[in-house]
Each structure stands twice: as structure tokens, then as C-alpha cells.
């Protein structure tokens, strides 16, 4: 029987979780991050509470991987300095409340 390293096992586990769309994070913290880091830009561009960006007919985000990439892109663009946990929290918050990807 071949032994695998712990890091190889963890990577395989995380890849499997990601591939099946299971998100790890705290949606309550994601909501706070969204209020503090995202709302001002979204309200400025879309008015109201800024949530139109998530529900519009022509939205670009079609997968959870696309959502993760967009959150990371926005983080870089506005230099918000989110850490990995905050990004995960934000992605799970957005998915649970707007996108509902499996």
C-alpha cells in the first residue's frame, strides 16, 4: 500500500470540496465584510442597496469558481486587503443570499 503525505491528502481533500461546490466560511462575517468593503462601490454604481449587481439578468458570474474569482478581482482593484478567510466568508455570504450555486 502506497502512503501519501499529509499535505497531498489535504490538497486532495480541498480540491474535492472545491470541485463539489462546498464552501467553507462564515456567512455572518461575510455580511459584515460586504457592508464594510463592498457596499459603497456597489451603491455608487447600481443605486439602492447595491444588490442589483447580483440579481441582474446580464450578470457575469455563473459558477462558484467565477464568484470566487470576482471577489478576488474586486479585492485587488479596490485594494481592500481582505485575507483568505474574509474572501471565503464573503463568497459564502454572497452565494447563500444571491447566487445559490450548488
C-alpha atoms as a PDB file:
ATOM      1  CA  UNK A   1       0.000   0.000   0.000  1.00  0.00           C
ATOM      2  CA  UNK A   2       1.362   3.405  -1.013  1.00  0.00           C
ATOM      3  CA  UNK A   3       1.473   6.150   1.631  1.00  0.00           C
ATOM      4  CA  UNK A   4       0.686   9.782   0.762  1.00  0.00           C
ATOM      5  CA  UNK A   5       1.949  12.808   2.588  1.00  0.00           C
ATOM      6  CA  UNK A   6      -0.366  14.827   4.799  1.00  0.00           C
ATOM      7  CA  UNK A   7      -0.064  17.848   2.505  1.00  0.00           C
ATOM      8  CA  UNK A   8      -1.029  15.752  -0.534  1.00  0.00           C
ATOM      9  CA  UNK A   9      -4.043  14.415   1.348  1.00  0.00           C
ATOM     10  CA  UNK A  10      -5.133  17.897   2.459  1.00  0.00           C
ATOM     11  CA  UNK A  11      -4.738  19.271  -1.083  1.00  0.00           C
ATOM     12  CA  UNK A  12      -6.791  16.399  -2.495  1.00  0.00           C
ATOM     13  CA  UNK A  13      -9.475  16.940   0.139  1.00  0.00           C
ATOM     14  CA  UNK A  14      -9.651  20.690  -0.516  1.00  0.00           C
ATOM     15  CA  UNK A  15      -9.768  20.127  -4.272  1.00  0.00           C
ATOM     16  CA  UNK A  16     -12.617  17.669  -3.815  1.00  0.00           C
ATOM     17  CA  UNK A  17     -14.508  20.105  -1.600  1.00  0.00           C
ATOM     18  CA  UNK A  18     -13.978  22.888  -4.134  1.00  0.00           C
ATOM     19  CA  UNK A  19     -14.906  20.715  -7.078  1.00  0.00           C
ATOM     20  CA  UNK A  20     -18.202  19.793  -5.471  1.00  0.00           C
ATOM     21  CA  UNK A  21     -19.072  23.381  -4.663  1.00  0.00           C
ATOM     22  CA  UNK A  22     -18.934  23.114  -0.896  1.00  0.00           C
ATOM     23  CA  UNK A  23     -17.885  26.431   0.534  1.00  0.00           C
ATOM     24  CA  UNK A  24     -16.139  26.935   3.808  1.00  0.00           C
ATOM     25  CA  UNK A  25     -16.636  30.187   5.628  1.00  0.00           C
ATOM     26  CA  UNK A  26     -18.781  32.247   7.954  1.00  0.00           C
ATOM     27  CA  UNK A  27     -21.651  33.956   6.126  1.00  0.00           C
ATOM     28  CA  UNK A  28     -22.353  36.237   9.103  1.00  0.00           C
ATOM     29  CA  UNK A  29     -18.823  37.594   8.922  1.00  0.00           C
ATOM     30  CA  UNK A  30     -19.176  37.741   5.133  1.00  0.00           C
ATOM     31  CA  UNK A  31     -22.168  40.035   5.558  1.00  0.00           C
ATOM     32  CA  UNK A  32     -20.091  42.364   7.735  1.00  0.00           C
ATOM     33  CA  UNK A  33     -17.234  42.319   5.231  1.00  0.00           C
ATOM     34  CA  UNK A  34     -19.713  43.095   2.464  1.00  0.00           C
ATOM     35  CA  UNK A  35     -21.135  46.053   4.396  1.00  0.00           C
ATOM     36  CA  UNK A  36     -17.691  47.429   5.203  1.00  0.00           C
ATOM     37  CA  UNK A  37     -15.815  46.769   1.953  1.00  0.00           C
ATOM     38  CA  UNK A  38     -18.299  46.294  -0.912  1.00  0.00           C
ATOM     39  CA  UNK A  39     -21.443  48.336  -0.365  1.00  0.00           C
ATOM     40  CA  UNK A  40     -20.037  51.789  -1.110  1.00  0.00           C
ATOM     41  CA  UNK A  41     -18.833  50.813  -4.595  1.00  0.00           C
ATOM     42  CA  UNK A  42     -21.940  48.801  -5.447  1.00  0.00           C
ATOM     43  CA  UNK A  43     -24.320  51.517  -4.238  1.00  0.00           C
ATOM     44  CA  UNK A  44     -22.390  54.097  -6.245  1.00  0.00           C
ATOM     45  CA  UNK A  45     -22.682  52.040  -9.414  1.00  0.00           C
ATOM     46  CA  UNK A  46     -26.113  50.439  -9.014  1.00  0.00           C
ATOM     47  CA  UNK A  47     -28.029  52.594  -6.532  1.00  0.00           C
ATOM     48  CA  UNK A  48     -30.365  51.380  -3.830  1.00  0.00           C
ATOM     49  CA  UNK A  49     -28.627  48.866  -1.609  1.00  0.00           C
ATOM     50  CA  UNK A  50     -26.213  47.874  -4.382  1.00  0.00           C
ATOM     51  CA  UNK A  51     -27.552  44.315  -4.589  1.00  0.00           C
ATOM     52  CA  UNK A  52     -28.762  44.713  -8.196  1.00  0.00           C
ATOM     53  CA  UNK A  53     -25.309  43.642  -9.319  1.00  0.00           C
ATOM     54  CA  UNK A  54     -26.037  40.146  -8.021  1.00  0.00           C
ATOM     55  CA  UNK A  55     -29.525  39.711  -9.406  1.00  0.00           C
ATOM     56  CA  UNK A  56     -29.432  41.478 -12.770  1.00  0.00           C
ATOM     57  CA  UNK A  57     -30.266  39.420 -15.859  1.00  0.00           C
ATOM     58  CA  UNK A  58     -26.888  40.011 -17.514  1.00  0.00           C
ATOM     59  CA  UNK A  59     -24.722  39.132 -14.510  1.00  0.00           C
ATOM     60  CA  UNK A  60     -21.311  37.729 -15.396  1.00  0.00           C
ATOM     61  CA  UNK A  61     -20.974  35.300 -12.520  1.00  0.00           C
ATOM     62  CA  UNK A  62     -22.266  31.845 -13.468  1.00  0.00           C
ATOM     63  CA  UNK A  63     -20.330  29.490 -11.149  1.00  0.00           C
ATOM     64  CA  UNK A  64     -18.988  29.440  -7.618  1.00  0.00           C
ATOM     65  CA  UNK A  65     -15.460  29.496  -9.095  1.00  0.00           C
ATOM     66  CA  UNK A  66     -16.415  32.600 -11.053  1.00  0.00           C
ATOM     67  CA  UNK A  67     -17.779  34.165  -7.881  1.00  0.00           C
ATOM     68  CA  UNK A  68     -14.529  33.460  -6.042  1.00  0.00           C
ATOM     69  CA  UNK A  69     -12.518  34.941  -8.905  1.00  0.00           C
ATOM     70  CA  UNK A  70     -14.702  38.062  -8.999  1.00  0.00           C
ATOM     71  CA  UNK A  71     -14.399  38.634  -5.247  1.00  0.00           C
ATOM     72  CA  UNK A  72     -10.614  38.271  -5.512  1.00  0.00           C
ATOM     73  CA  UNK A  73     -10.580  40.658  -8.514  1.00  0.00           C
ATOM     74  CA  UNK A  74     -12.610  43.290  -6.648  1.00  0.00           C
ATOM     75  CA  UNK A  75     -10.352  42.914  -3.617  1.00  0.00           C
ATOM     76  CA  UNK A  76      -7.302  43.664  -5.792  1.00  0.00           C
ATOM     77  CA  UNK A  77      -8.995  46.510  -7.663  1.00  0.00           C
ATOM     78  CA  UNK A  78     -10.047  48.479  -4.606  1.00  0.00           C
ATOM     79  CA  UNK A  79      -7.068  47.317  -2.534  1.00  0.00           C
ATOM     80  CA  UNK A  80      -9.313  46.329   0.355  1.00  0.00           C
ATOM     81  CA  UNK A  81      -6.709  43.958   1.802  1.00  0.00           C
ATOM     82  CA  UNK A  82      -9.044  41.064   2.513  1.00  0.00           C
ATOM     83  CA  UNK A  83      -7.399  37.941   3.864  1.00  0.00           C
ATOM     84  CA  UNK A  84      -8.274  34.445   2.671  1.00  0.00           C
ATOM     85  CA  UNK A  85     -10.806  33.834   5.436  1.00  0.00           C
ATOM     86  CA  UNK A  86     -12.606  37.103   4.690  1.00  0.00           C
ATOM     87  CA  UNK A  87     -12.751  36.235   0.994  1.00  0.00           C
ATOM     88  CA  UNK A  88     -14.208  32.805   1.801  1.00  0.00           C
ATOM     89  CA  UNK A  89     -16.695  34.393   4.209  1.00  0.00           C
ATOM     90  CA  UNK A  90     -17.745  36.915   1.576  1.00  0.00           C
ATOM     91  CA  UNK A  91     -18.135  34.255  -1.110  1.00  0.00           C
ATOM     92  CA  UNK A  92     -20.309  32.053   1.098  1.00  0.00           C
ATOM     93  CA  UNK A  93     -22.433  35.060   2.137  1.00  0.00           C
ATOM     94  CA  UNK A  94     -22.974  36.101  -1.485  1.00  0.00           C
ATOM     95  CA  UNK A  95     -23.705  32.549  -2.570  1.00  0.00           C
ATOM     96  CA  UNK A  96     -26.202  31.868   0.196  1.00  0.00           C
ATOM     97  CA  UNK A  97     -28.034  35.165  -0.272  1.00  0.00           C
ATOM     98  CA  UNK A  98     -27.886  35.835  -4.013  1.00  0.00           C
ATOM     99  CA  UNK A  99     -26.317  33.227  -6.284  1.00  0.00           C
ATOM    100  CA  UNK A 100     -27.321  29.909  -4.705  1.00  0.00           C
ATOM    101  CA  UNK A 101     -24.811  27.805  -6.641  1.00  0.00           C
ATOM    102  CA  UNK A 102     -24.774  24.123  -5.709  1.00  0.00           C
END
